[in-house]
């Protein structure tokens, strides 16, 4: 193979690689723009905390349990005096009194109803 044929093949091969790289960069950029757009839309959604304590938060996913069901589950396991039910970051946060009389703050997963954390209040 002579020099010109060899360089022509290299140019063709490098041109193909450059096109593939350009396509990959454009596809990655488009994917990042879609993700950023989804994140902006999620932040712009109405605040779910404004729904009160009777139903699922406004703008929450369909699989989110309503606050009334969360309250019923907590009462069933011994918590009482439930108050200040708030929604934040996929959790219901509320103040209550434990079965042994301690003031606590509860963190409950809004999808599963699982009690995620309990903090003693002062």
PDB file of N, CA and C in Angstrom:
ATOM      1  N   UNK A   1       0.856  -1.161   0.000  1.00  0.00           N
ATOM      2  CA  UNK A   1       0.000   0.000   0.000  1.00  0.00           C
ATOM      3  C   UNK A   1       0.905   1.228   0.000  1.00  0.00           C
ATOM      4  N   UNK A   2       0.626   2.143  -0.877  1.00  0.00           N
ATOM      5  CA  UNK A   2       1.446   3.348  -0.949  1.00  0.00           C
ATOM      6  C   UNK A   2       0.986   4.386   0.093  1.00  0.00           C
ATOM      7  N   UNK A   3       1.757   5.419   0.257  1.00  0.00           N
ATOM      8  CA  UNK A   3       1.517   6.447   1.266  1.00  0.00           C
ATOM      9  C   UNK A   3       0.182   7.156   1.070  1.00  0.00           C
ATOM     10  N   UNK A   4      -0.158   7.509  -0.165  1.00  0.00           N
ATOM     11  CA  UNK A   4      -1.404   8.229  -0.436  1.00  0.00           C
ATOM     12  C   UNK A   4      -2.630   7.375  -0.099  1.00  0.00           C
ATOM     13  N   UNK A   5      -2.568   6.113  -0.451  1.00  0.00           N
ATOM     14  CA  UNK A   5      -3.682   5.211  -0.148  1.00  0.00           C
ATOM     15  C   UNK A   5      -3.845   5.082   1.369  1.00  0.00           C
ATOM     16  N   UNK A   6      -2.704   4.958   2.045  1.00  0.00           N
ATOM     17  CA  UNK A   6      -2.723   4.829   3.501  1.00  0.00           C
ATOM     18  C   UNK A   6      -3.298   6.077   4.157  1.00  0.00           C
ATOM     19  N   UNK A   7      -2.860   7.249   3.745  1.00  0.00           N
ATOM     20  CA  UNK A   7      -3.385   8.486   4.343  1.00  0.00           C
ATOM     21  C   UNK A   7      -4.852   8.688   4.002  1.00  0.00           C
ATOM     22  N   UNK A   8      -5.252   8.277   2.822  1.00  0.00           N
ATOM     23  CA  UNK A   8      -6.664   8.399   2.450  1.00  0.00           C
ATOM     24  C   UNK A   8      -7.532   7.524   3.351  1.00  0.00           C
ATOM     25  N   UNK A   9      -7.055   6.315   3.643  1.00  0.00           N
ATOM     26  CA  UNK A   9      -7.804   5.430   4.535  1.00  0.00           C
ATOM     27  C   UNK A   9      -7.863   6.005   5.950  1.00  0.00           C
ATOM     28  N   UNK A  10      -6.765   6.564   6.408  1.00  0.00           N
ATOM     29  CA  UNK A  10      -6.742   7.169   7.742  1.00  0.00           C
ATOM     30  C   UNK A  10      -7.714   8.341   7.798  1.00  0.00           C
ATOM     31  N   UNK A  11      -7.712   9.197   6.781  1.00  0.00           N
ATOM     32  CA  UNK A  11      -8.630  10.328   6.743  1.00  0.00           C
ATOM     33  C   UNK A  11     -10.083   9.856   6.772  1.00  0.00           C
ATOM     34  N   UNK A  12     -10.376   8.827   6.002  1.00  0.00           N
ATOM     35  CA  UNK A  12     -11.736   8.294   5.962  1.00  0.00           C
ATOM     36  C   UNK A  12     -12.117   7.735   7.331  1.00  0.00           C
ATOM     37  N   UNK A  13     -11.204   6.967   7.909  1.00  0.00           N
ATOM     38  CA  UNK A  13     -11.471   6.370   9.224  1.00  0.00           C
ATOM     39  C   UNK A  13     -11.617   7.451  10.301  1.00  0.00           C
ATOM     40  N   UNK A  14     -10.744   8.443  10.301  1.00  0.00           N
ATOM     41  CA  UNK A  14     -10.817   9.519  11.289  1.00  0.00           C
ATOM     42  C   UNK A  14     -12.070  10.361  11.088  1.00  0.00           C
ATOM     43  N   UNK A  15     -12.457  10.567   9.845  1.00  0.00           N
ATOM     44  CA  UNK A  15     -13.690  11.304   9.578  1.00  0.00           C
ATOM     45  C   UNK A  15     -14.894  10.579  10.150  1.00  0.00           C
ATOM     46  N   UNK A  16     -14.926   9.261  10.004  1.00  0.00           N
ATOM     47  CA  UNK A  16     -16.014   8.457  10.539  1.00  0.00           C
ATOM     48  C   UNK A  16     -16.025   8.530  12.075  1.00  0.00           C
ATOM     49  N   UNK A  17     -14.840   8.441  12.684  1.00  0.00           N
ATOM     50  CA  UNK A  17     -14.763   8.548  14.138  1.00  0.00           C
ATOM     51  C   UNK A  17     -15.207   9.925  14.618  1.00  0.00           C
ATOM     52  N   UNK A  18     -14.826  10.955  13.908  1.00  0.00           N
ATOM     53  CA  UNK A  18     -15.223  12.311  14.288  1.00  0.00           C
ATOM     54  C   UNK A  18     -16.742  12.466  14.216  1.00  0.00           C
ATOM     55  N   UNK A  19     -17.351  11.890  13.189  1.00  0.00           N
ATOM     56  CA  UNK A  19     -18.810  11.958  13.054  1.00  0.00           C
ATOM     57  C   UNK A  19     -19.490  11.212  14.212  1.00  0.00           C
ATOM     58  N   UNK A  20     -18.944  10.044  14.549  1.00  0.00           N
ATOM     59  CA  UNK A  20     -19.513   9.275  15.650  1.00  0.00           C
ATOM     60  C   UNK A  20     -19.376  10.034  16.970  1.00  0.00           C
ATOM     61  N   UNK A  21     -18.236  10.655  17.173  1.00  0.00           N
ATOM     62  CA  UNK A  21     -18.012  11.431  18.384  1.00  0.00           C
ATOM     63  C   UNK A  21     -18.959  12.619  18.441  1.00  0.00           C
ATOM     64  N   UNK A  22     -19.123  13.310  17.311  1.00  0.00           N
ATOM     65  CA  UNK A  22     -20.046  14.441  17.251  1.00  0.00           C
ATOM     66  C   UNK A  22     -21.468  14.001  17.595  1.00  0.00           C
ATOM     67  N   UNK A  23     -21.895  12.878  17.041  1.00  0.00           N
ATOM     68  CA  UNK A  23     -23.237  12.358  17.333  1.00  0.00           C
ATOM     69  C   UNK A  23     -23.388  12.017  18.814  1.00  0.00           C
ATOM     70  N   UNK A  24     -22.359  11.389  19.387  1.00  0.00           N
ATOM     71  CA  UNK A  24     -22.414  11.025  20.801  1.00  0.00           C
ATOM     72  C   UNK A  24     -22.489  12.268  21.682  1.00  0.00           C
ATOM     73  N   UNK A  25     -21.719  13.283  21.345  1.00  0.00           N
ATOM     74  CA  UNK A  25     -21.735  14.523  22.123  1.00  0.00           C
ATOM     75  C   UNK A  25     -23.096  15.194  22.007  1.00  0.00           C
ATOM     76  N   UNK A  26     -23.651  15.239  20.817  1.00  0.00           N
ATOM     77  CA  UNK A  26     -24.973  15.845  20.633  1.00  0.00           C
ATOM     78  C   UNK A  26     -26.053  15.062  21.377  1.00  0.00           C
ATOM     79  N   UNK A  27     -25.987  13.743  21.334  1.00  0.00           N
ATOM     80  CA  UNK A  27     -26.981  12.923  22.035  1.00  0.00           C
ATOM     81  C   UNK A  27     -26.866  13.123  23.551  1.00  0.00           C
ATOM     82  N   UNK A  28     -25.643  13.191  24.046  1.00  0.00           N
ATOM     83  CA  UNK A  28     -25.433  13.421  25.478  1.00  0.00           C
ATOM     84  C   UNK A  28     -25.961  14.787  25.886  1.00  0.00           C
ATOM     85  N   UNK A  29     -25.673  15.795  25.065  1.00  0.00           N
ATOM     86  CA  UNK A  29     -26.171  17.140  25.351  1.00  0.00           C
ATOM     87  C   UNK A  29     -27.688  17.178  25.364  1.00  0.00           C
ATOM     88  N   UNK A  30     -28.316  16.511  24.410  1.00  0.00           N
ATOM     89  CA  UNK A  30     -29.776  16.480  24.361  1.00  0.00           C
ATOM     90  C   UNK A  30     -30.346  15.778  25.597  1.00  0.00           C
ATOM     91  N   UNK A  31     -29.716  14.680  26.011  1.00  0.00           N
ATOM     92  CA  UNK A  31     -30.179  13.958  27.196  1.00  0.00           C
ATOM     93  C   UNK A  31     -30.043  14.827  28.448  1.00  0.00           C
ATOM     94  N   UNK A  32     -28.946  15.538  28.557  1.00  0.00           N
ATOM     95  CA  UNK A  32     -28.754  16.424  29.715  1.00  0.00           C
ATOM     96  C   UNK A  32     -29.777  17.553  29.727  1.00  0.00           C
ATOM     97  N   UNK A  33     -30.103  18.078  28.561  1.00  0.00           N
ATOM     98  CA  UNK A  33     -31.112  19.132  28.491  1.00  0.00           C
ATOM     99  C   UNK A  33     -32.478  18.609  28.926  1.00  0.00           C
ATOM    100  N   UNK A  34     -32.815  17.380  28.519  1.00  0.00           N
ATOM    101  CA  UNK A  34     -34.089  16.788  28.935  1.00  0.00           C
ATOM    102  C   UNK A  34     -34.134  16.585  30.445  1.00  0.00           C
ATOM    103  N   UNK A  35     -33.025  16.106  31.005  1.00  0.00           N
ATOM    104  CA  UNK A  35     -32.980  15.920  32.459  1.00  0.00           C
ATOM    105  C   UNK A  35     -33.101  17.248  33.192  1.00  0.00           C
ATOM    106  N   UNK A  36     -32.403  18.259  32.707  1.00  0.00           N
ATOM    107  CA  UNK A  36     -32.470  19.576  33.344  1.00  0.00           C
ATOM    108  C   UNK A  36     -33.886  20.142  33.241  1.00  0.00           C
ATOM    109  N   UNK A  37     -34.511  19.950  32.100  1.00  0.00           N
ATOM    110  CA  UNK A  37     -35.877  20.429  31.910  1.00  0.00           C
ATOM    111  C   UNK A  37     -36.833  19.740  32.882  1.00  0.00           C
ATOM    112  N   UNK A  38     -36.675  18.430  33.062  1.00  0.00           N
ATOM    113  CA  UNK A  38     -37.526  17.693  33.993  1.00  0.00           C
ATOM    114  C   UNK A  38     -37.305  18.173  35.422  1.00  0.00           C
ATOM    115  N   UNK A  39     -36.052  18.454  35.770  1.00  0.00           N
ATOM    116  CA  UNK A  39     -35.752  18.935  37.124  1.00  0.00           C
ATOM    117  C   UNK A  39     -36.381  20.305  37.368  1.00  0.00           C
ATOM    118  N   UNK A  40     -36.324  21.174  36.367  1.00  0.00           N
ATOM    119  CA  UNK A  40     -36.910  22.510  36.500  1.00  0.00           C
ATOM    120  C   UNK A  40     -38.425  22.396  36.643  1.00  0.00           C
ATOM    121  N   UNK A  41     -39.039  21.520  35.859  1.00  0.00           N
ATOM    122  CA  UNK A  41     -40.483  21.331  35.956  1.00  0.00           C
ATOM    123  C   UNK A  41     -40.880  20.774  37.312  1.00  0.00           C
ATOM    124  N   UNK A  42     -40.065  19.859  37.863  1.00  0.00           N
ATOM    125  CA  UNK A  42     -40.367  19.291  39.170  1.00  0.00           C
ATOM    126  C   UNK A  42     -40.284  20.357  40.259  1.00  0.00           C
ATOM    127  N   UNK A  43     -39.313  21.252  40.157  1.00  0.00           N
ATOM    128  CA  UNK A  43     -39.186  22.316  41.146  1.00  0.00           C
ATOM    129  C   UNK A  43     -40.316  23.338  41.022  1.00  0.00           C
ATOM    130  N   UNK A  44     -40.824  23.517  39.818  1.00  0.00           N
ATOM    131  CA  UNK A  44     -41.868  24.504  39.590  1.00  0.00           C
ATOM    132  C   UNK A  44     -43.257  23.979  39.942  1.00  0.00           C
ATOM    133  N   UNK A  45     -43.359  22.677  40.240  1.00  0.00           N
ATOM    134  CA  UNK A  45     -44.661  22.096  40.576  1.00  0.00           C
ATOM    135  C   UNK A  45     -45.184  22.711  41.866  1.00  0.00           C
ATOM    136  N   UNK A  46     -46.511  22.748  42.041  1.00  0.00           N
ATOM    137  CA  UNK A  46     -47.080  23.326  43.252  1.00  0.00           C
ATOM    138  C   UNK A  46     -46.621  22.574  44.492  1.00  0.00           C
ATOM    139  N   UNK A  47     -46.484  23.293  45.579  1.00  0.00           N
ATOM    140  CA  UNK A  47     -46.021  22.709  46.837  1.00  0.00           C
ATOM    141  C   UNK A  47     -47.062  21.744  47.377  1.00  0.00           C
ATOM    142  N   UNK A  48     -46.661  20.478  47.639  1.00  0.00           N
ATOM    143  CA  UNK A  48     -47.614  19.506  48.138  1.00  0.00           C
ATOM    144  C   UNK A  48     -48.060  19.771  49.567  1.00  0.00           C
ATOM    145  N   UNK A  49     -47.336  20.570  50.306  1.00  0.00           N
ATOM    146  CA  UNK A  49     -47.668  20.803  51.710  1.00  0.00           C
ATOM    147  C   UNK A  49     -48.965  21.572  51.886  1.00  0.00           C
ATOM    148  N   UNK A  50     -49.483  22.149  50.814  1.00  0.00           N
ATOM    149  CA  UNK A  50     -50.673  22.973  50.926  1.00  0.00           C
ATOM    150  C   UNK A  50     -51.964  22.169  50.904  1.00  0.00           C
ATOM    151  N   UNK A  51     -51.871  20.852  50.891  1.00  0.00           N
ATOM    152  CA  UNK A  51     -53.084  20.048  50.789  1.00  0.00           C
ATOM    153  C   UNK A  51     -53.766  19.811  52.117  1.00  0.00           C
ATOM    154  N   UNK A  52     -53.114  20.148  53.230  1.00  0.00           N
ATOM    155  CA  UNK A  52     -53.700  19.888  54.540  1.00  0.00           C
ATOM    156  C   UNK A  52     -53.439  18.464  54.964  1.00  0.00           C
ATOM    157  N   UNK A  53     -54.217  17.994  55.918  1.00  0.00           N
ATOM    158  CA  UNK A  53     -53.957  16.674  56.465  1.00  0.00           C
ATOM    159  C   UNK A  53     -54.987  15.647  56.036  1.00  0.00           C
ATOM    160  N   UNK A  54     -55.800  15.936  55.051  1.00  0.00           N
ATOM    161  CA  UNK A  54     -56.875  15.016  54.726  1.00  0.00           C
ATOM    162  C   UNK A  54     -56.613  14.175  53.490  1.00  0.00           C
ATOM    163  N   UNK A  55     -55.823  14.612  52.555  1.00  0.00           N
ATOM    164  CA  UNK A  55     -55.610  13.841  51.343  1.00  0.00           C
ATOM    165  C   UNK A  55     -54.160  13.813  50.961  1.00  0.00           C
ATOM    166  N   UNK A  56     -53.877  13.230  49.795  1.00  0.00           N
ATOM    167  CA  UNK A  56     -52.503  13.218  49.287  1.00  0.00           C
ATOM    168  C   UNK A  56     -52.113  14.633  48.914  1.00  0.00           C
ATOM    169  N   UNK A  57     -50.839  14.984  49.064  1.00  0.00           N
ATOM    170  CA  UNK A  57     -50.397  16.332  48.734  1.00  0.00           C
ATOM    171  C   UNK A  57     -50.652  16.665  47.270  1.00  0.00           C
ATOM    172  N   UNK A  58     -51.008  17.914  47.009  1.00  0.00           N
ATOM    173  CA  UNK A  58     -51.223  18.353  45.634  1.00  0.00           C
ATOM    174  C   UNK A  58     -49.922  18.186  44.863  1.00  0.00           C
ATOM    175  N   UNK A  59     -49.975  17.619  43.689  1.00  0.00           N
ATOM    176  CA  UNK A  59     -48.788  17.429  42.878  1.00  0.00           C
ATOM    177  C   UNK A  59     -48.003  16.171  43.240  1.00  0.00           C
ATOM    178  N   UNK A  60     -48.451  15.414  44.237  1.00  0.00           N
ATOM    179  CA  UNK A  60     -47.743  14.199  44.627  1.00  0.00           C
ATOM    180  C   UNK A  60     -48.053  13.089  43.639  1.00  0.00           C
ATOM    181  N   UNK A  61     -47.179  12.116  43.596  1.00  0.00           N
ATOM    182  CA  UNK A  61     -47.379  10.976  42.702  1.00  0.00           C
ATOM    183  C   UNK A  61     -48.636  10.221  43.121  1.00  0.00           C
ATOM    184  N   UNK A  62     -49.232   9.532  42.165  1.00  0.00           N
ATOM    185  CA  UNK A  62     -50.466   8.808  42.436  1.00  0.00           C
ATOM    186  C   UNK A  62     -50.271   7.737  43.502  1.00  0.00           C
ATOM    187  N   UNK A  63     -49.048   7.247  43.679  1.00  0.00           N
ATOM    188  CA  UNK A  63     -48.805   6.194  44.650  1.00  0.00           C
ATOM    189  C   UNK A  63     -48.563   6.731  46.062  1.00  0.00           C
ATOM    190  N   UNK A  64     -48.657   8.045  46.251  1.00  0.00           N
ATOM    191  CA  UNK A  64     -48.477   8.639  47.576  1.00  0.00           C
ATOM    192  C   UNK A  64     -49.714   8.393  48.426  1.00  0.00           C
ATOM    193  N   UNK A  65     -49.480   7.937  49.645  1.00  0.00           N
ATOM    194  CA  UNK A  65     -50.596   7.689  50.558  1.00  0.00           C
ATOM    195  C   UNK A  65     -51.133   9.008  51.094  1.00  0.00           C
ATOM    196  N   UNK A  66     -52.442   9.112  51.291  1.00  0.00           N
ATOM    197  CA  UNK A  66     -53.001  10.338  51.860  1.00  0.00           C
ATOM    198  C   UNK A  66     -52.600  10.484  53.323  1.00  0.00           C
ATOM    199  N   UNK A  67     -52.519  11.721  53.777  1.00  0.00           N
ATOM    200  CA  UNK A  67     -52.126  12.005  55.155  1.00  0.00           C
ATOM    201  C   UNK A  67     -53.064  11.324  56.152  1.00  0.00           C
ATOM    202  N   UNK A  68     -54.330  11.208  55.812  1.00  0.00           N
ATOM    203  CA  UNK A  68     -55.286  10.566  56.726  1.00  0.00           C
ATOM    204  C   UNK A  68     -54.925   9.095  56.949  1.00  0.00           C
ATOM    205  N   UNK A  69     -54.453   8.424  55.915  1.00  0.00           N
ATOM    206  CA  UNK A  69     -54.049   7.021  56.074  1.00  0.00           C
ATOM    207  C   UNK A  69     -52.771   6.911  56.912  1.00  0.00           C
ATOM    208  N   UNK A  70     -51.849   7.839  56.701  1.00  0.00           N
ATOM    209  CA  UNK A  70     -50.621   7.867  57.501  1.00  0.00           C
ATOM    210  C   UNK A  70     -50.995   8.054  58.977  1.00  0.00           C
ATOM    211  N   UNK A  71     -51.890   9.012  59.222  1.00  0.00           N
ATOM    212  CA  UNK A  71     -52.328   9.288  60.586  1.00  0.00           C
ATOM    213  C   UNK A  71     -52.961   8.033  61.203  1.00  0.00           C
ATOM    214  N   UNK A  72     -53.823   7.347  60.457  1.00  0.00           N
ATOM    215  CA  UNK A  72     -54.474   6.139  60.960  1.00  0.00           C
ATOM    216  C   UNK A  72     -53.452   5.056  61.294  1.00  0.00           C
ATOM    217  N   UNK A  73     -52.461   4.889  60.456  1.00  0.00           N
ATOM    218  CA  UNK A  73     -51.424   3.874  60.705  1.00  0.00           C
ATOM    219  C   UNK A  73     -50.635   4.190  61.970  1.00  0.00           C
ATOM    220  N   UNK A  74     -50.302   5.461  62.154  1.00  0.00           N
ATOM    221  CA  UNK A  74     -49.527   5.847  63.336  1.00  0.00           C
ATOM    222  C   UNK A  74     -50.340   5.677  64.614  1.00  0.00           C
ATOM    223  N   UNK A  75     -51.617   6.021  64.570  1.00  0.00           N
ATOM    224  CA  UNK A  75     -52.496   5.832  65.730  1.00  0.00           C
ATOM    225  C   UNK A  75     -52.595   4.339  66.046  1.00  0.00           C
ATOM    226  N   UNK A  76     -52.681   3.530  65.012  1.00  0.00           N
ATOM    227  CA  UNK A  76     -52.798   2.077  65.191  1.00  0.00           C
ATOM    228  C   UNK A  76     -51.575   1.494  65.903  1.00  0.00           C
ATOM    229  N   UNK A  77     -50.391   2.060  65.688  1.00  0.00           N
ATOM    230  CA  UNK A  77     -49.193   1.528  66.349  1.00  0.00           C
ATOM    231  C   UNK A  77     -48.861   2.248  67.660  1.00  0.00           C
ATOM    232  N   UNK A  78     -49.766   3.143  68.115  1.00  0.00           N
ATOM    233  CA  UNK A  78     -49.622   3.690  69.451  1.00  0.00           C
ATOM    234  C   UNK A  78     -49.296   5.163  69.584  1.00  0.00           C
ATOM    235  N   UNK A  79     -49.149   5.874  68.491  1.00  0.00           N
ATOM    236  CA  UNK A  79     -48.886   7.315  68.596  1.00  0.00           C
ATOM    237  C   UNK A  79     -50.208   8.054  68.750  1.00  0.00           C
ATOM    238  N   UNK A  80     -50.163   9.184  69.450  1.00  0.00           N
ATOM    239  CA  UNK A  80     -51.378   9.982  69.656  1.00  0.00           C
ATOM    240  C   UNK A  80     -51.019  11.463  69.581  1.00  0.00           C
ATOM    241  N   UNK A  81     -52.031  12.295  69.659  1.00  0.00           N
ATOM    242  CA  UNK A  81     -51.848  13.754  69.590  1.00  0.00           C
ATOM    243  C   UNK A  81     -51.055  14.163  68.343  1.00  0.00           C
ATOM    244  N   UNK A  82     -51.389  13.572  67.214  1.00  0.00           N
ATOM    245  CA  UNK A  82     -50.687  13.878  65.965  1.00  0.00           C
ATOM    246  C   UNK A  82     -51.024  15.296  65.534  1.00  0.00           C
ATOM    247  N   UNK A  83     -49.989  16.062  65.171  1.00  0.00           N
ATOM    248  CA  UNK A  83     -50.205  17.448  64.770  1.00  0.00           C
ATOM    249  C   UNK A  83     -49.124  17.895  63.798  1.00  0.00           C
ATOM    250  N   UNK A  84     -49.374  19.021  63.174  1.00  0.00           N
ATOM    251  CA  UNK A  84     -48.443  19.651  62.244  1.00  0.00           C
ATOM    252  C   UNK A  84     -47.929  18.684  61.183  1.00  0.00           C
ATOM    253  N   UNK A  85     -48.846  18.011  60.513  1.00  0.00           N
ATOM    254  CA  UNK A  85     -48.441  17.108  59.441  1.00  0.00           C
ATOM    255  C   UNK A  85     -47.975  17.949  58.264  1.00  0.00           C
ATOM    256  N   UNK A  86     -46.728  17.718  57.875  1.00  0.00           N
ATOM    257  CA  UNK A  86     -46.130  18.472  56.763  1.00  0.00           C
ATOM    258  C   UNK A  86     -45.559  17.497  55.755  1.00  0.00           C
ATOM    259  N   UNK A  87     -45.448  17.964  54.541  1.00  0.00           N
ATOM    260  CA  UNK A  87     -44.904  17.178  53.433  1.00  0.00           C
ATOM    261  C   UNK A  87     -43.587  17.794  53.007  1.00  0.00           C
ATOM    262  N   UNK A  88     -42.546  16.994  52.880  1.00  0.00           N
ATOM    263  CA  UNK A  88     -41.261  17.484  52.378  1.00  0.00           C
ATOM    264  C   UNK A  88     -40.418  16.302  51.910  1.00  0.00           C
ATOM    265  N   UNK A  89     -39.874  16.428  50.720  1.00  0.00           N
ATOM    266  CA  UNK A  89     -38.921  15.438  50.183  1.00  0.00           C
ATOM    267  C   UNK A  89     -39.445  14.005  50.209  1.00  0.00           C
ATOM    268  N   UNK A  90     -40.701  13.809  49.888  1.00  0.00           N
ATOM    269  CA  UNK A  90     -41.266  12.464  49.843  1.00  0.00           C
ATOM    270  C   UNK A  90     -41.604  11.882  51.206  1.00  0.00           C
ATOM    271  N   UNK A  91     -41.544  12.737  52.233  1.00  0.00           N
ATOM    272  CA  UNK A  91     -41.847  12.282  53.593  1.00  0.00           C
ATOM    273  C   UNK A  91     -42.955  13.129  54.193  1.00  0.00           C
ATOM    274  N   UNK A  92     -43.758  12.478  55.034  1.00  0.00           N
ATOM    275  CA  UNK A  92     -44.651  13.224  55.901  1.00  0.00           C
ATOM    276  C   UNK A  92     -43.868  13.419  57.196  1.00  0.00           C
ATOM    277  N   UNK A  93     -43.832  14.653  57.676  1.00  0.00           N
ATOM    278  CA  UNK A  93     -43.166  14.966  58.934  1.00  0.00           C
ATOM    279  C   UNK A  93     -44.231  15.490  59.880  1.00  0.00           C
ATOM    280  N   UNK A  94     -44.276  14.950  61.097  1.00  0.00           N
ATOM    281  CA  UNK A  94     -45.301  15.390  62.028  1.00  0.00           C
ATOM    282  C   UNK A  94     -44.837  15.237  63.458  1.00  0.00           C
ATOM    283  N   UNK A  95     -45.500  15.957  64.326  1.00  0.00           N
ATOM    284  CA  UNK A  95     -45.242  15.883  65.759  1.00  0.00           C
ATOM    285  C   UNK A  95     -46.319  15.002  66.372  1.00  0.00           C
ATOM    286  N   UNK A  96     -45.917  14.267  67.414  1.00  0.00           N
ATOM    287  CA  UNK A  96     -46.856  13.360  68.064  1.00  0.00           C
ATOM    288  C   UNK A  96     -46.369  13.048  69.473  1.00  0.00           C
ATOM    289  N   UNK A  97     -47.161  12.241  70.157  1.00  0.00           N
ATOM    290  CA  UNK A  97     -46.774  11.724  71.468  1.00  0.00           C
ATOM    291  C   UNK A  97     -46.678  10.215  71.329  1.00  0.00           C
ATOM    292  N   UNK A  98     -45.569   9.648  71.801  1.00  0.00           N
ATOM    293  CA  UNK A  98     -45.381   8.202  71.690  1.00  0.00           C
ATOM    294  C   UNK A  98     -46.237   7.489  72.728  1.00  0.00           C
ATOM    295  N   UNK A  99     -46.316   6.173  72.627  1.00  0.00           N
ATOM    296  CA  UNK A  99     -47.116   5.373  73.550  1.00  0.00           C
ATOM    297  C   UNK A  99     -46.636   5.524  74.990  1.00  0.00           C
ATOM    298  N   UNK A 100     -45.337   5.810  75.173  1.00  0.00           N
ATOM    299  CA  UNK A 100     -44.806   5.978  76.532  1.00  0.00           C
ATOM    300  C   UNK A 100     -44.812   7.439  76.994  1.00  0.00           C
ATOM    301  N   UNK A 101     -45.496   8.323  76.235  1.00  0.00           N
ATOM    302  CA  UNK A 101     -45.690   9.706  76.655  1.00  0.00           C
ATOM    303  C   UNK A 101     -44.623  10.703  76.228  1.00  0.00           C
ATOM    304  N   UNK A 102     -43.641  10.274  75.439  1.00  0.00           N
ATOM    305  CA  UNK A 102     -42.605  11.202  74.980  1.00  0.00           C
ATOM    306  C   UNK A 102     -43.089  12.011  73.782  1.00  0.00           C
ATOM    307  N   UNK A 103     -42.695  13.284  73.739  1.00  0.00           N
ATOM    308  CA  UNK A 103     -42.982  14.124  72.574  1.00  0.00           C
ATOM    309  C   UNK A 103     -41.958  13.754  71.494  1.00  0.00           C
ATOM    310  N   UNK A 104     -42.449  13.404  70.309  1.00  0.00           N
ATOM    311  CA  UNK A 104     -41.561  12.951  69.233  1.00  0.00           C
ATOM    312  C   UNK A 104     -41.891  13.649  67.924  1.00  0.00           C
ATOM    313  N   UNK A 105     -40.929  13.622  67.024  1.00  0.00           N
ATOM    314  CA  UNK A 105     -41.140  14.068  65.648  1.00  0.00           C
ATOM    315  C   UNK A 105     -40.969  12.829  64.778  1.00  0.00           C
ATOM    316  N   UNK A 106     -41.955  12.551  63.946  1.00  0.00           N
ATOM    317  CA  UNK A 106     -41.974  11.344  63.125  1.00  0.00           C
ATOM    318  C   UNK A 106     -41.728  11.686  61.666  1.00  0.00           C
ATOM    319  N   UNK A 107     -41.025  10.797  60.988  1.00  0.00           N
ATOM    320  CA  UNK A 107     -40.756  10.929  59.563  1.00  0.00           C
ATOM    321  C   UNK A 107     -41.266   9.653  58.902  1.00  0.00           C
ATOM    322  N   UNK A 108     -42.262   9.812  58.022  1.00  0.00           N
ATOM    323  CA  UNK A 108     -42.928   8.661  57.423  1.00  0.00           C
ATOM    324  C   UNK A 108     -42.815   8.733  55.901  1.00  0.00           C
ATOM    325  N   UNK A 109     -42.387   7.623  55.282  1.00  0.00           N
ATOM    326  CA  UNK A 109     -42.304   7.545  53.827  1.00  0.00           C
ATOM    327  C   UNK A 109     -43.712   7.663  53.260  1.00  0.00           C
ATOM    328  N   UNK A 110     -43.919   8.626  52.368  1.00  0.00           N
ATOM    329  CA  UNK A 110     -45.263   8.915  51.851  1.00  0.00           C
ATOM    330  C   UNK A 110     -45.767   7.849  50.890  1.00  0.00           C
ATOM    331  N   UNK A 111     -44.887   7.066  50.316  1.00  0.00           N
ATOM    332  CA  UNK A 111     -45.331   6.028  49.381  1.00  0.00           C
ATOM    333  C   UNK A 111     -45.675   4.727  50.084  1.00  0.00           C
ATOM    334  N   UNK A 112     -44.813   4.319  51.007  1.00  0.00           N
ATOM    335  CA  UNK A 112     -45.010   3.018  51.641  1.00  0.00           C
ATOM    336  C   UNK A 112     -45.717   3.112  52.989  1.00  0.00           C
ATOM    337  N   UNK A 113     -45.700   4.299  53.616  1.00  0.00           N
ATOM    338  CA  UNK A 113     -46.262   4.448  54.944  1.00  0.00           C
ATOM    339  C   UNK A 113     -45.326   3.959  56.040  1.00  0.00           C
ATOM    340  N   UNK A 114     -44.091   3.642  55.673  1.00  0.00           N
ATOM    341  CA  UNK A 114     -43.105   3.148  56.632  1.00  0.00           C
ATOM    342  C   UNK A 114     -42.583   4.275  57.504  1.00  0.00           C
ATOM    343  N   UNK A 115     -42.514   4.033  58.797  1.00  0.00           N
ATOM    344  CA  UNK A 115     -41.939   4.990  59.729  1.00  0.00           C
ATOM    345  C   UNK A 115     -40.428   4.957  59.529  1.00  0.00           C
ATOM    346  N   UNK A 116     -39.874   6.038  58.999  1.00  0.00           N
ATOM    347  CA  UNK A 116     -38.468   6.082  58.630  1.00  0.00           C
ATOM    348  C   UNK A 116     -37.583   6.488  59.808  1.00  0.00           C
ATOM    349  N   UNK A 117     -38.034   7.449  60.605  1.00  0.00           N
ATOM    350  CA  UNK A 117     -37.211   7.944  61.710  1.00  0.00           C
ATOM    351  C   UNK A 117     -38.093   8.556  62.788  1.00  0.00           C
ATOM    352  N   UNK A 118     -37.602   8.504  64.020  1.00  0.00           N
ATOM    353  CA  UNK A 118     -38.298   9.096  65.164  1.00  0.00           C
ATOM    354  C   UNK A 118     -37.273   9.891  65.958  1.00  0.00           C
ATOM    355  N   UNK A 119     -37.557  11.160  66.221  1.00  0.00           N
ATOM    356  CA  UNK A 119     -36.685  12.022  67.032  1.00  0.00           C
ATOM    357  C   UNK A 119     -37.467  12.458  68.254  1.00  0.00           C
ATOM    358  N   UNK A 120     -36.802  12.419  69.412  1.00  0.00           N
ATOM    359  CA  UNK A 120     -37.434  12.916  70.628  1.00  0.00           C
ATOM    360  C   UNK A 120     -37.392  14.441  70.597  1.00  0.00           C
ATOM    361  N   UNK A 121     -38.550  15.051  70.848  1.00  0.00           N
ATOM    362  CA  UNK A 121     -38.629  16.529  70.892  1.00  0.00           C
ATOM    363  C   UNK A 121     -38.379  16.991  72.305  1.00  0.00           C
ATOM    364  N   UNK A 122     -37.982  18.243  72.425  1.00  0.00           N
ATOM    365  CA  UNK A 122     -37.765  18.820  73.757  1.00  0.00           C
ATOM    366  C   UNK A 122     -38.800  19.839  74.052  1.00  0.00           C
TER     367      UNK A 122
END
